[in-house]
Amino acid sequence: MTRQTLSWMALFTALALPGVASADHAMEKGGMLVDHAGMTLYTFDKDAGGKSMCNGECATNWPPLMVKANDEPAKDKWTVVMRDDGSKQWAYDGKPLYTFIKDKKAGDMTGDGMKDVWHVAKP
């Protein structure tokens, strides 16, 4: 292999790593769950039976915490739910997880209590 090929391979590996480690999809911070970028994660009261009911425009405003190809649950309460479009979403304690489009920086919680059905996800 050429040096340039190895450099490209190293770049692609580095870009892929954040999604590979199972602990990178989310973590606990300050008594709530956040994604790998520190953005607040939410649950939706209308989700039931381990299924996401937030699709279409709802999922545009409340982006699901998506499972990447090599992700695996890190702990007992982490599971994967299948979305209507066939993609996979992370769930904690059976509840699918989402971010909120109006949260602009790590630590924002503008979606908490929205329409009395969105809540900060807590471990």
PDB file of N, CA and C in Angstrom:
ATOM      1  N   MET A   1       0.834  -1.181   0.000  1.00  0.00           N
ATOM      2  CA  MET A   1       0.000   0.000   0.000  1.00  0.00           C
ATOM      3  C   MET A   1       0.878   1.243   0.000  1.00  0.00           C
ATOM      4  N   THR A   2       0.361   2.266  -0.588  1.00  0.00           N
ATOM      5  CA  THR A   2       1.115   3.520  -0.619  1.00  0.00           C
ATOM      6  C   THR A   2       0.869   4.296   0.662  1.00  0.00           C
ATOM      7  N   ARG A   3       1.740   5.233   0.896  1.00  0.00           N
ATOM      8  CA  ARG A   3       1.601   6.091   2.073  1.00  0.00           C
ATOM      9  C   ARG A   3       0.291   6.868   2.025  1.00  0.00           C
ATOM     10  N   GLN A   4      -0.098   7.334   0.821  1.00  0.00           N
ATOM     11  CA  GLN A   4      -1.337   8.094   0.671  1.00  0.00           C
ATOM     12  C   GLN A   4      -2.548   7.213   1.003  1.00  0.00           C
ATOM     13  N   THR A   5      -2.527   5.948   0.544  1.00  0.00           N
ATOM     14  CA  THR A   5      -3.630   5.033   0.850  1.00  0.00           C
ATOM     15  C   THR A   5      -3.746   4.829   2.353  1.00  0.00           C
ATOM     16  N   LEU A   6      -2.616   4.634   3.027  1.00  0.00           N
ATOM     17  CA  LEU A   6      -2.638   4.463   4.478  1.00  0.00           C
ATOM     18  C   LEU A   6      -3.165   5.706   5.178  1.00  0.00           C
ATOM     19  N   SER A   7      -2.827   6.887   4.667  1.00  0.00           N
ATOM     20  CA  SER A   7      -3.328   8.129   5.267  1.00  0.00           C
ATOM     21  C   SER A   7      -4.845   8.214   5.150  1.00  0.00           C
ATOM     22  N   TRP A   8      -5.382   7.856   3.974  1.00  0.00           N
ATOM     23  CA  TRP A   8      -6.827   7.872   3.790  1.00  0.00           C
ATOM     24  C   TRP A   8      -7.505   6.857   4.697  1.00  0.00           C
ATOM     25  N   MET A   9      -6.900   5.686   4.813  1.00  0.00           N
ATOM     26  CA  MET A   9      -7.464   4.652   5.689  1.00  0.00           C
ATOM     27  C   MET A   9      -7.475   5.130   7.135  1.00  0.00           C
ATOM     28  N   ALA A  10      -6.418   5.799   7.563  1.00  0.00           N
ATOM     29  CA  ALA A  10      -6.356   6.320   8.923  1.00  0.00           C
ATOM     30  C   ALA A  10      -7.424   7.381   9.143  1.00  0.00           C
ATOM     31  N   LEU A  11      -7.633   8.236   8.146  1.00  0.00           N
ATOM     32  CA  LEU A  11      -8.651   9.284   8.257  1.00  0.00           C
ATOM     33  C   LEU A  11     -10.035   8.657   8.400  1.00  0.00           C
ATOM     34  N   PHE A  12     -10.366   7.699   7.548  1.00  0.00           N
ATOM     35  CA  PHE A  12     -11.683   7.066   7.621  1.00  0.00           C
ATOM     36  C   PHE A  12     -11.875   6.316   8.937  1.00  0.00           C
ATOM     37  N   THR A  13     -10.846   5.684   9.427  1.00  0.00           N
ATOM     38  CA  THR A  13     -10.920   4.994  10.709  1.00  0.00           C
ATOM     39  C   THR A  13     -11.183   5.983  11.826  1.00  0.00           C
ATOM     40  N   ALA A  14     -10.479   7.095  11.815  1.00  0.00           N
ATOM     41  CA  ALA A  14     -10.654   8.117  12.848  1.00  0.00           C
ATOM     42  C   ALA A  14     -12.064   8.688  12.821  1.00  0.00           C
ATOM     43  N   LEU A  15     -12.593   8.900  11.630  1.00  0.00           N
ATOM     44  CA  LEU A  15     -13.947   9.439  11.524  1.00  0.00           C
ATOM     45  C   LEU A  15     -14.989   8.428  11.978  1.00  0.00           C
ATOM     46  N   ALA A  16     -14.706   7.159  11.803  1.00  0.00           N
ATOM     47  CA  ALA A  16     -15.666   6.117  12.170  1.00  0.00           C
ATOM     48  C   ALA A  16     -15.654   5.799  13.654  1.00  0.00           C
ATOM     49  N   LEU A  17     -14.568   6.014  14.336  1.00  0.00           N
ATOM     50  CA  LEU A  17     -14.440   5.591  15.726  1.00  0.00           C
ATOM     51  C   LEU A  17     -15.507   6.110  16.676  1.00  0.00           C
ATOM     52  N   PRO A  18     -15.936   7.373  16.606  1.00  0.00           N
ATOM     53  CA  PRO A  18     -16.937   7.818  17.577  1.00  0.00           C
ATOM     54  C   PRO A  18     -18.203   6.979  17.562  1.00  0.00           C
ATOM     55  N   GLY A  19     -18.600   6.424  16.427  1.00  0.00           N
ATOM     56  CA  GLY A  19     -19.806   5.615  16.361  1.00  0.00           C
ATOM     57  C   GLY A  19     -19.574   4.154  16.682  1.00  0.00           C
ATOM     58  N   VAL A  20     -18.333   3.737  16.792  1.00  0.00           N
ATOM     59  CA  VAL A  20     -18.033   2.334  17.006  1.00  0.00           C
ATOM     60  C   VAL A  20     -18.114   1.960  18.475  1.00  0.00           C
ATOM     61  N   ALA A  21     -17.569   2.770  19.323  1.00  0.00           N
ATOM     62  CA  ALA A  21     -17.545   2.449  20.749  1.00  0.00           C
ATOM     63  C   ALA A  21     -18.959   2.546  21.309  1.00  0.00           C
ATOM     64  N   SER A  22     -19.387   1.503  21.991  1.00  0.00           N
ATOM     65  CA  SER A  22     -20.767   1.460  22.462  1.00  0.00           C
ATOM     66  C   SER A  22     -21.093   2.555  23.465  1.00  0.00           C
ATOM     67  N   ALA A  23     -20.126   3.013  24.217  1.00  0.00           N
ATOM     68  CA  ALA A  23     -20.395   4.044  25.214  1.00  0.00           C
ATOM     69  C   ALA A  23     -20.536   5.425  24.593  1.00  0.00           C
ATOM     70  N   ASP A  24     -20.225   5.574  23.312  1.00  0.00           N
ATOM     71  CA  ASP A  24     -20.251   6.890  22.688  1.00  0.00           C
ATOM     72  C   ASP A  24     -21.642   7.359  22.270  1.00  0.00           C
ATOM     73  N   HIS A  25     -22.647   6.499  22.239  1.00  0.00           N
ATOM     74  CA  HIS A  25     -23.943   6.953  21.768  1.00  0.00           C
ATOM     75  C   HIS A  25     -24.614   7.879  22.781  1.00  0.00           C
ATOM     76  N   ALA A  26     -24.352   7.694  24.044  1.00  0.00           N
ATOM     77  CA  ALA A  26     -24.932   8.565  25.064  1.00  0.00           C
ATOM     78  C   ALA A  26     -24.273   8.290  26.402  1.00  0.00           C
ATOM     79  N   MET A  27     -24.491   9.239  27.328  1.00  0.00           N
ATOM     80  CA  MET A  27     -23.931   9.070  28.661  1.00  0.00           C
ATOM     81  C   MET A  27     -24.766   9.867  29.654  1.00  0.00           C
ATOM     82  N   GLU A  28     -24.506   9.644  30.909  1.00  0.00           N
ATOM     83  CA  GLU A  28     -25.180  10.390  31.972  1.00  0.00           C
ATOM     84  C   GLU A  28     -24.348  11.611  32.307  1.00  0.00           C
ATOM     85  N   LYS A  29     -25.016  12.741  32.463  1.00  0.00           N
ATOM     86  CA  LYS A  29     -24.335  13.972  32.855  1.00  0.00           C
ATOM     87  C   LYS A  29     -25.320  14.811  33.657  1.00  0.00           C
ATOM     88  N   GLY A  30     -24.968  15.096  34.880  1.00  0.00           N
ATOM     89  CA  GLY A  30     -25.829  15.938  35.712  1.00  0.00           C
ATOM     90  C   GLY A  30     -27.211  15.364  35.950  1.00  0.00           C
ATOM     91  N   GLY A  31     -27.317  14.041  36.054  1.00  0.00           N
ATOM     92  CA  GLY A  31     -28.606  13.421  36.342  1.00  0.00           C
ATOM     93  C   GLY A  31     -29.511  13.264  35.142  1.00  0.00           C
ATOM     94  N   MET A  32     -28.981  13.520  33.932  1.00  0.00           N
ATOM     95  CA  MET A  32     -29.778  13.323  32.724  1.00  0.00           C
ATOM     96  C   MET A  32     -28.921  12.622  31.679  1.00  0.00           C
ATOM     97  N   LEU A  33     -29.581  12.133  30.639  1.00  0.00           N
ATOM     98  CA  LEU A  33     -28.858  11.490  29.552  1.00  0.00           C
ATOM     99  C   LEU A  33     -28.566  12.506  28.462  1.00  0.00           C
ATOM    100  N   VAL A  34     -27.353  12.445  27.921  1.00  0.00           N
ATOM    101  CA  VAL A  34     -26.947  13.329  26.823  1.00  0.00           C
ATOM    102  C   VAL A  34     -26.284  12.476  25.741  1.00  0.00           C
ATOM    103  N   ASP A  35     -26.282  12.987  24.516  1.00  0.00           N
ATOM    104  CA  ASP A  35     -25.604  12.261  23.440  1.00  0.00           C
ATOM    105  C   ASP A  35     -24.107  12.514  23.507  1.00  0.00           C
ATOM    106  N   HIS A  36     -23.352  11.945  22.581  1.00  0.00           N
ATOM    107  CA  HIS A  36     -21.892  12.059  22.603  1.00  0.00           C
ATOM    108  C   HIS A  36     -21.405  13.503  22.484  1.00  0.00           C
ATOM    109  N   ALA A  37     -22.252  14.414  21.984  1.00  0.00           N
ATOM    110  CA  ALA A  37     -21.889  15.828  21.861  1.00  0.00           C
ATOM    111  C   ALA A  37     -22.345  16.639  23.072  1.00  0.00           C
ATOM    112  N   GLY A  38     -22.949  15.962  24.063  1.00  0.00           N
ATOM    113  CA  GLY A  38     -23.421  16.655  25.260  1.00  0.00           C
ATOM    114  C   GLY A  38     -24.816  17.243  25.124  1.00  0.00           C
ATOM    115  N   MET A  39     -25.505  16.931  24.016  1.00  0.00           N
ATOM    116  CA  MET A  39     -26.858  17.456  23.802  1.00  0.00           C
ATOM    117  C   MET A  39     -27.866  16.633  24.600  1.00  0.00           C
ATOM    118  N   THR A  40     -28.807  17.315  25.213  1.00  0.00           N
ATOM    119  CA  THR A  40     -29.829  16.688  26.046  1.00  0.00           C
ATOM    120  C   THR A  40     -30.644  15.681  25.242  1.00  0.00           C
ATOM    121  N   LEU A  41     -30.928  14.543  25.861  1.00  0.00           N
ATOM    122  CA  LEU A  41     -31.789  13.530  25.263  1.00  0.00           C
ATOM    123  C   LEU A  41     -33.155  13.563  25.937  1.00  0.00           C
ATOM    124  N   TYR A  42     -34.176  13.273  25.147  1.00  0.00           N
ATOM    125  CA  TYR A  42     -35.564  13.350  25.595  1.00  0.00           C
ATOM    126  C   TYR A  42     -36.311  12.048  25.335  1.00  0.00           C
ATOM    127  N   THR A  43     -37.398  11.864  26.095  1.00  0.00           N
ATOM    128  CA  THR A  43     -38.349  10.782  25.840  1.00  0.00           C
ATOM    129  C   THR A  43     -39.679  11.418  25.454  1.00  0.00           C
ATOM    130  N   PHE A  44     -40.512  10.631  24.757  1.00  0.00           N
ATOM    131  CA  PHE A  44     -41.793  11.084  24.227  1.00  0.00           C
ATOM    132  C   PHE A  44     -42.886  10.210  24.825  1.00  0.00           C
ATOM    133  N   ASP A  45     -43.833  10.811  25.544  1.00  0.00           N
ATOM    134  CA  ASP A  45     -44.881  10.050  26.235  1.00  0.00           C
ATOM    135  C   ASP A  45     -45.732   9.183  25.303  1.00  0.00           C
ATOM    136  N   LYS A  46     -45.842   9.545  24.026  1.00  0.00           N
ATOM    137  CA  LYS A  46     -46.685   8.789  23.104  1.00  0.00           C
ATOM    138  C   LYS A  46     -46.011   7.516  22.597  1.00  0.00           C
ATOM    139  N   ASP A  47     -44.701   7.371  22.841  1.00  0.00           N
ATOM    140  CA  ASP A  47     -44.027   6.124  22.483  1.00  0.00           C
ATOM    141  C   ASP A  47     -44.543   5.026  23.405  1.00  0.00           C
ATOM    142  N   ALA A  48     -44.796   3.857  22.837  1.00  0.00           N
ATOM    143  CA  ALA A  48     -45.308   2.749  23.650  1.00  0.00           C
ATOM    144  C   ALA A  48     -44.825   1.420  23.091  1.00  0.00           C
ATOM    145  N   GLY A  49     -44.666   0.461  23.974  1.00  0.00           N
ATOM    146  CA  GLY A  49     -44.295  -0.884  23.568  1.00  0.00           C
ATOM    147  C   GLY A  49     -42.942  -0.968  22.880  1.00  0.00           C
ATOM    148  N   GLY A  50     -42.026  -0.092  23.263  1.00  0.00           N
ATOM    149  CA  GLY A  50     -40.702  -0.110  22.653  1.00  0.00           C
ATOM    150  C   GLY A  50     -40.703   0.352  21.209  1.00  0.00           C
ATOM    151  N   LYS A  51     -41.694   1.153  20.834  1.00  0.00           N
ATOM    152  CA  LYS A  51     -41.808   1.648  19.464  1.00  0.00           C
ATOM    153  C   LYS A  51     -41.864   3.172  19.459  1.00  0.00           C
ATOM    154  N   SER A  52     -41.168   3.770  18.502  1.00  0.00           N
ATOM    155  CA  SER A  52     -41.211   5.219  18.342  1.00  0.00           C
ATOM    156  C   SER A  52     -42.471   5.629  17.589  1.00  0.00           C
ATOM    157  N   MET A  53     -43.174   6.595  18.129  1.00  0.00           N
ATOM    158  CA  MET A  53     -44.351   7.140  17.466  1.00  0.00           C
ATOM    159  C   MET A  53     -44.027   8.503  16.842  1.00  0.00           C
ATOM    160  N   CYS A  54     -42.770   8.896  16.875  1.00  0.00           N
ATOM    161  CA  CYS A  54     -42.335  10.195  16.357  1.00  0.00           C
ATOM    162  C   CYS A  54     -41.679   9.980  14.993  1.00  0.00           C
ATOM    163  N   ASN A  55     -42.430  10.256  13.939  1.00  0.00           N
ATOM    164  CA  ASN A  55     -41.964  10.076  12.567  1.00  0.00           C
ATOM    165  C   ASN A  55     -42.264  11.332  11.759  1.00  0.00           C
ATOM    166  N   GLY A  56     -41.766  11.399  10.545  1.00  0.00           N
ATOM    167  CA  GLY A  56     -42.049  12.535   9.665  1.00  0.00           C
ATOM    168  C   GLY A  56     -41.585  13.848  10.258  1.00  0.00           C
ATOM    169  N   GLU A  57     -42.494  14.838  10.286  1.00  0.00           N
ATOM    170  CA  GLU A  57     -42.160  16.162  10.800  1.00  0.00           C
ATOM    171  C   GLU A  57     -41.742  16.108  12.267  1.00  0.00           C
ATOM    172  N   CYS A  58     -42.362  15.215  13.025  1.00  0.00           N
ATOM    173  CA  CYS A  58     -41.987  15.060  14.436  1.00  0.00           C
ATOM    174  C   CYS A  58     -40.507  14.707  14.538  1.00  0.00           C
ATOM    175  N   ALA A  59     -40.039  13.749  13.731  1.00  0.00           N
ATOM    176  CA  ALA A  59     -38.642  13.328  13.780  1.00  0.00           C
ATOM    177  C   ALA A  59     -37.699  14.402  13.235  1.00  0.00           C
ATOM    178  N   THR A  60     -38.214  15.317  12.429  1.00  0.00           N
ATOM    179  CA  THR A  60     -37.398  16.448  11.969  1.00  0.00           C
ATOM    180  C   THR A  60     -37.136  17.389  13.137  1.00  0.00           C
ATOM    181  N   ASN A  61     -38.155  17.639  13.956  1.00  0.00           N
ATOM    182  CA  ASN A  61     -38.023  18.524  15.115  1.00  0.00           C
ATOM    183  C   ASN A  61     -37.382  17.832  16.312  1.00  0.00           C
ATOM    184  N   TRP A  62     -37.560  16.533  16.404  1.00  0.00           N
ATOM    185  CA  TRP A  62     -37.031  15.723  17.503  1.00  0.00           C
ATOM    186  C   TRP A  62     -36.205  14.590  16.896  1.00  0.00           C
ATOM    187  N   PRO A  63     -34.998  14.894  16.429  1.00  0.00           N
ATOM    188  CA  PRO A  63     -34.193  13.863  15.772  1.00  0.00           C
ATOM    189  C   PRO A  63     -33.921  12.669  16.689  1.00  0.00           C
ATOM    190  N   PRO A  64     -34.222  11.466  16.205  1.00  0.00           N
ATOM    191  CA  PRO A  64     -33.961  10.259  16.992  1.00  0.00           C
ATOM    192  C   PRO A  64     -32.454  10.065  17.204  1.00  0.00           C
ATOM    193  N   LEU A  65     -32.106   9.464  18.333  1.00  0.00           N
ATOM    194  CA  LEU A  65     -30.716   9.092  18.588  1.00  0.00           C
ATOM    195  C   LEU A  65     -30.499   7.780  17.833  1.00  0.00           C
ATOM    196  N   MET A  66     -29.873   7.887  16.666  1.00  0.00           N
ATOM    197  CA  MET A  66     -29.755   6.758  15.759  1.00  0.00           C
ATOM    198  C   MET A  66     -28.611   5.821  16.137  1.00  0.00           C
ATOM    199  N   VAL A  67     -28.823   4.556  15.853  1.00  0.00           N
ATOM    200  CA  VAL A  67     -27.812   3.529  16.053  1.00  0.00           C
ATOM    201  C   VAL A  67     -26.930   3.509  14.809  1.00  0.00           C
ATOM    202  N   LYS A  68     -25.625   3.543  15.015  1.00  0.00           N
ATOM    203  CA  LYS A  68     -24.689   3.434  13.900  1.00  0.00           C
ATOM    204  C   LYS A  68     -24.365   1.960  13.682  1.00  0.00           C
ATOM    205  N   ALA A  69     -23.830   1.646  12.519  1.00  0.00           N
ATOM    206  CA  ALA A  69     -23.619   0.267  12.083  1.00  0.00           C
ATOM    207  C   ALA A  69     -22.957  -0.638  13.121  1.00  0.00           C
ATOM    208  N   ASN A  70     -21.912  -0.178  13.786  1.00  0.00           N
ATOM    209  CA  ASN A  70     -21.171  -1.048  14.701  1.00  0.00           C
ATOM    210  C   ASN A  70     -21.508  -0.828  16.171  1.00  0.00           C
ATOM    211  N   ASP A  71     -22.515  -0.015  16.471  1.00  0.00           N
ATOM    212  CA  ASP A  71     -22.882   0.237  17.862  1.00  0.00           C
ATOM    213  C   ASP A  71     -23.489  -1.012  18.491  1.00  0.00           C
ATOM    214  N   GLU A  72     -23.213  -1.165  19.774  1.00  0.00           N
ATOM    215  CA  GLU A  72     -23.836  -2.220  20.564  1.00  0.00           C
ATOM    216  C   GLU A  72     -24.222  -1.630  21.910  1.00  0.00           C
ATOM    217  N   PRO A  73     -25.319  -2.092  22.509  1.00  0.00           N
ATOM    218  CA  PRO A  73     -25.708  -1.562  23.815  1.00  0.00           C
ATOM    219  C   PRO A  73     -24.584  -1.730  24.832  1.00  0.00           C
ATOM    220  N   ALA A  74     -24.368  -0.680  25.631  1.00  0.00           N
ATOM    221  CA  ALA A  74     -23.283  -0.688  26.608  1.00  0.00           C
ATOM    222  C   ALA A  74     -23.712  -1.306  27.937  1.00  0.00           C
ATOM    223  N   LYS A  75     -24.956  -1.160  28.292  1.00  0.00           N
ATOM    224  CA  LYS A  75     -25.438  -1.628  29.588  1.00  0.00           C
ATOM    225  C   LYS A  75     -26.811  -2.251  29.429  1.00  0.00           C
ATOM    226  N   ASP A  76     -27.276  -2.886  30.499  1.00  0.00           N
ATOM    227  CA  ASP A  76     -28.539  -3.618  30.473  1.00  0.00           C
ATOM    228  C   ASP A  76     -29.734  -2.796  30.003  1.00  0.00           C
ATOM    229  N   LYS A  77     -29.830  -1.544  30.391  1.00  0.00           N
ATOM    230  CA  LYS A  77     -31.024  -0.762  30.081  1.00  0.00           C
ATOM    231  C   LYS A  77     -31.020  -0.174  28.675  1.00  0.00           C
ATOM    232  N   TRP A  78     -29.894  -0.274  27.966  1.00  0.00           N
ATOM    233  CA  TRP A  78     -29.800   0.242  26.600  1.00  0.00           C
ATOM    234  C   TRP A  78     -30.298  -0.809  25.622  1.00  0.00           C
ATOM    235  N   THR A  79     -31.254  -0.419  24.781  1.00  0.00           N
ATOM    236  CA  THR A  79     -31.782  -1.316  23.766  1.00  0.00           C
ATOM    237  C   THR A  79     -31.893  -0.573  22.442  1.00  0.00           C
ATOM    238  N   VAL A  80     -32.213  -1.327  21.413  1.00  0.00           N
ATOM    239  CA  VAL A  80     -32.384  -0.769  20.080  1.00  0.00           C
ATOM    240  C   VAL A  80     -33.824  -1.006  19.657  1.00  0.00           C
ATOM    241  N   VAL A  81     -34.476   0.031  19.120  1.00  0.00           N
ATOM    242  CA  VAL A  81     -35.831  -0.107  18.582  1.00  0.00           C
ATOM    243  C   VAL A  81     -35.786   0.133  17.076  1.00  0.00           C
ATOM    244  N   MET A  82     -36.637  -0.571  16.366  1.00  0.00           N
ATOM    245  CA  MET A  82     -36.739  -0.424  14.918  1.00  0.00           C
ATOM    246  C   MET A  82     -37.748   0.676  14.616  1.00  0.00           C
ATOM    247  N   ARG A  83     -37.347   1.623  13.793  1.00  0.00           N
ATOM    248  CA  ARG A  83     -38.239   2.713  13.403  1.00  0.00           C
ATOM    249  C   ARG A  83     -39.090   2.287  12.209  1.00  0.00           C
ATOM    250  N   ASP A  84     -40.154   3.034  11.929  1.00  0.00           N
ATOM    251  CA  ASP A  84     -41.053   2.710  10.819  1.00  0.00           C
ATOM    252  C   ASP A  84     -40.323   2.638   9.479  1.00  0.00           C
ATOM    253  N   ASP A  85     -39.260   3.426   9.324  1.00  0.00           N
ATOM    254  CA  ASP A  85     -38.521   3.435   8.059  1.00  0.00           C
ATOM    255  C   ASP A  85     -37.452   2.342   7.991  1.00  0.00           C
ATOM    256  N   GLY A  86     -37.369   1.494   9.017  1.00  0.00           N
ATOM    257  CA  GLY A  86     -36.406   0.403   9.030  1.00  0.00           C
ATOM    258  C   GLY A  86     -35.075   0.742   9.677  1.00  0.00           C
ATOM    259  N   SER A  87     -34.873   2.013  10.035  1.00  0.00           N
ATOM    260  CA  SER A  87     -33.634   2.404  10.714  1.00  0.00           C
ATOM    261  C   SER A  87     -33.738   2.043  12.199  1.00  0.00           C
ATOM    262  N   LYS A  88     -32.602   2.109  12.882  1.00  0.00           N
ATOM    263  CA  LYS A  88     -32.561   1.731  14.287  1.00  0.00           C
ATOM    264  C   LYS A  88     -32.274   2.935  15.166  1.00  0.00           C
ATOM    265  N   GLN A  89     -32.935   2.961  16.315  1.00  0.00           N
ATOM    266  CA  GLN A  89     -32.853   4.068  17.260  1.00  0.00           C
ATOM    267  C   GLN A  89     -32.522   3.524  18.639  1.00  0.00           C
ATOM    268  N   TRP A  90     -31.719   4.296  19.393  1.00  0.00           N
ATOM    269  CA  TRP A  90     -31.410   3.914  20.773  1.00  0.00           C
ATOM    270  C   TRP A  90     -32.604   4.167  21.680  1.00  0.00           C
ATOM    271  N   ALA A  91     -32.761   3.283  22.652  1.00  0.00           N
ATOM    272  CA  ALA A  91     -33.769   3.442  23.698  1.00  0.00           C
ATOM    273  C   ALA A  91     -33.085   3.176  25.031  1.00  0.00           C
ATOM    274  N   TYR A  92     -33.575   3.838  26.057  1.00  0.00           N
ATOM    275  CA  TYR A  92     -33.071   3.604  27.408  1.00  0.00           C
ATOM    276  C   TYR A  92     -34.241   3.176  28.263  1.00  0.00           C
ATOM    277  N   ASP A  93     -34.112   2.041  28.913  1.00  0.00           N
ATOM    278  CA  ASP A  93     -35.177   1.483  29.744  1.00  0.00           C
ATOM    279  C   ASP A  93     -36.473   1.364  28.939  1.00  0.00           C
ATOM    280  N   GLY A  94     -36.331   0.985  27.661  1.00  0.00           N
ATOM    281  CA  GLY A  94     -37.482   0.783  26.786  1.00  0.00           C
ATOM    282  C   GLY A  94     -38.041   2.028  26.136  1.00  0.00           C
ATOM    283  N   LYS A  95     -37.475   3.195  26.432  1.00  0.00           N
ATOM    284  CA  LYS A  95     -38.001   4.448  25.893  1.00  0.00           C
ATOM    285  C   LYS A  95     -37.066   4.992  24.809  1.00  0.00           C
ATOM    286  N   PRO A  96     -37.563   5.118  23.563  1.00  0.00           N
ATOM    287  CA  PRO A  96     -36.743   5.693  22.496  1.00  0.00           C
ATOM    288  C   PRO A  96     -36.257   7.093  22.876  1.00  0.00           C
ATOM    289  N   LEU A  97     -35.052   7.432  22.410  1.00  0.00           N
ATOM    290  CA  LEU A  97     -34.412   8.703  22.767  1.00  0.00           C
ATOM    291  C   LEU A  97     -34.281   9.642  21.579  1.00  0.00           C
ATOM    292  N   TYR A  98     -34.403  10.938  21.873  1.00  0.00           N
ATOM    293  CA  TYR A  98     -34.373  11.981  20.854  1.00  0.00           C
ATOM    294  C   TYR A  98     -33.581  13.191  21.352  1.00  0.00           C
ATOM    295  N   THR A  99     -33.099  13.994  20.402  1.00  0.00           N
ATOM    296  CA  THR A  99     -32.598  15.330  20.722  1.00  0.00           C
ATOM    297  C   THR A  99     -33.700  16.302  20.295  1.00  0.00           C
ATOM    298  N   PHE A 100     -33.484  17.607  20.496  1.00  0.00           N
ATOM    299  CA  PHE A 100     -34.486  18.607  20.108  1.00  0.00           C
ATOM    300  C   PHE A 100     -33.815  19.649  19.239  1.00  0.00           C
ATOM    301  N   ILE A 101     -34.429  19.950  18.112  1.00  0.00           N
ATOM    302  CA  ILE A 101     -33.839  20.841  17.124  1.00  0.00           C
ATOM    303  C   ILE A 101     -33.578  22.251  17.677  1.00  0.00           C
ATOM    304  N   LYS A 102     -34.344  22.674  18.678  1.00  0.00           N
ATOM    305  CA  LYS A 102     -34.166  24.025  19.223  1.00  0.00           C
ATOM    306  C   LYS A 102     -33.078  24.110  20.288  1.00  0.00           C
ATOM    307  N   ASP A 103     -32.562  22.977  20.732  1.00  0.00           N
ATOM    308  CA  ASP A 103     -31.402  22.999  21.630  1.00  0.00           C
ATOM    309  C   ASP A 103     -30.191  23.321  20.764  1.00  0.00           C
ATOM    310  N   LYS A 104     -29.508  24.392  21.080  1.00  0.00           N
ATOM    311  CA  LYS A 104     -28.402  24.856  20.230  1.00  0.00           C
ATOM    312  C   LYS A 104     -27.019  24.499  20.753  1.00  0.00           C
ATOM    313  N   LYS A 105     -26.912  24.279  22.067  1.00  0.00           N
ATOM    314  CA  LYS A 105     -25.596  23.954  22.631  1.00  0.00           C
ATOM    315  C   LYS A 105     -25.765  22.914  23.739  1.00  0.00           C
ATOM    316  N   ALA A 106     -24.666  22.250  24.037  1.00  0.00           N
ATOM    317  CA  ALA A 106     -24.680  21.245  25.091  1.00  0.00           C
ATOM    318  C   ALA A 106     -25.248  21.841  26.367  1.00  0.00           C
ATOM    319  N   GLY A 107     -26.128  21.104  27.008  1.00  0.00           N
ATOM    320  CA  GLY A 107     -26.734  21.576  28.254  1.00  0.00           C
ATOM    321  C   GLY A 107     -28.084  22.253  28.075  1.00  0.00           C
ATOM    322  N   ASP A 108     -28.422  22.702  26.851  1.00  0.00           N
ATOM    323  CA  ASP A 108     -29.748  23.286  26.621  1.00  0.00           C
ATOM    324  C   ASP A 108     -30.808  22.225  26.879  1.00  0.00           C
ATOM    325  N   MET A 109     -31.932  22.643  27.471  1.00  0.00           N
ATOM    326  CA  MET A 109     -33.039  21.730  27.760  1.00  0.00           C
ATOM    327  C   MET A 109     -34.361  22.378  27.380  1.00  0.00           C
ATOM    328  N   THR A 110     -34.393  23.069  26.234  1.00  0.00           N
ATOM    329  CA  THR A 110     -35.581  23.828  25.849  1.00  0.00           C
ATOM    330  C   THR A 110     -36.790  22.941  25.550  1.00  0.00           C
ATOM    331  N   GLY A 111     -36.545  21.644  25.313  1.00  0.00           N
ATOM    332  CA  GLY A 111     -37.660  20.753  25.001  1.00  0.00           C
ATOM    333  C   GLY A 111     -38.322  20.129  26.207  1.00  0.00           C
ATOM    334  N   ASP A 112     -37.732  20.294  27.391  1.00  0.00           N
ATOM    335  CA  ASP A 112     -38.285  19.651  28.576  1.00  0.00           C
ATOM    336  C   ASP A 112     -39.675  20.192  28.885  1.00  0.00           C
ATOM    337  N   GLY A 113     -40.666  19.305  28.943  1.00  0.00           N
ATOM    338  CA  GLY A 113     -42.041  19.686  29.242  1.00  0.00           C
ATOM    339  C   GLY A 113     -42.811  20.171  28.030  1.00  0.00           C
ATOM    340  N   MET A 114     -42.197  20.175  26.847  1.00  0.00           N
ATOM    341  CA  MET A 114     -42.870  20.648  25.637  1.00  0.00           C
ATOM    342  C   MET A 114     -44.166  19.875  25.421  1.00  0.00           C
ATOM    343  N   LYS A 115     -45.259  20.614  25.290  1.00  0.00           N
ATOM    344  CA  LYS A 115     -46.593  20.056  25.075  1.00  0.00           C
ATOM    345  C   LYS A 115     -46.950  18.975  26.080  1.00  0.00           C
ATOM    346  N   ASP A 116     -46.317  19.015  27.233  1.00  0.00           N
ATOM    347  CA  ASP A 116     -46.553  18.057  28.314  1.00  0.00           C
ATOM    348  C   ASP A 116     -46.302  16.597  27.913  1.00  0.00           C
ATOM    349  N   VAL A 117     -45.566  16.358  26.809  1.00  0.00           N
ATOM    350  CA  VAL A 117     -45.299  14.975  26.387  1.00  0.00           C
ATOM    351  C   VAL A 117     -43.817  14.702  26.145  1.00  0.00           C
ATOM    352  N   TRP A 118     -42.979  15.738  26.192  1.00  0.00           N
ATOM    353  CA  TRP A 118     -41.533  15.576  26.006  1.00  0.00           C
ATOM    354  C   TRP A 118     -40.834  15.847  27.326  1.00  0.00           C
ATOM    355  N   HIS A 119     -39.899  14.955  27.692  1.00  0.00           N
ATOM    356  CA  HIS A 119     -39.227  15.077  28.982  1.00  0.00           C
ATOM    357  C   HIS A 119     -37.748  14.733  28.843  1.00  0.00           C
ATOM    358  N   VAL A 120     -36.929  15.397  29.637  1.00  0.00           N
ATOM    359  CA  VAL A 120     -35.510  15.060  29.690  1.00  0.00           C
ATOM    360  C   VAL A 120     -35.386  13.601  30.116  1.00  0.00           C
ATOM    361  N   ALA A 121     -34.561  12.853  29.395  1.00  0.00           N
ATOM    362  CA  ALA A 121     -34.332  11.446  29.724  1.00  0.00           C
ATOM    363  C   ALA A 121     -33.396  11.355  30.914  1.00  0.00           C
ATOM    364  N   LYS A 122     -33.777  10.556  31.882  1.00  0.00           N
ATOM    365  CA  LYS A 122     -32.971  10.384  33.088  1.00  0.00           C
ATOM    366  C   LYS A 122     -32.655   8.910  33.295  1.00  0.00           C
ATOM    367  N   PRO A 123     -31.432   8.653  33.793  1.00  0.00           N
ATOM    368  CA  PRO A 123     -31.057   7.257  34.037  1.00  0.00           C
ATOM    369  C   PRO A 123     -31.794   6.675  35.238  1.00  0.00           C
TER     370      PRO A 123
END
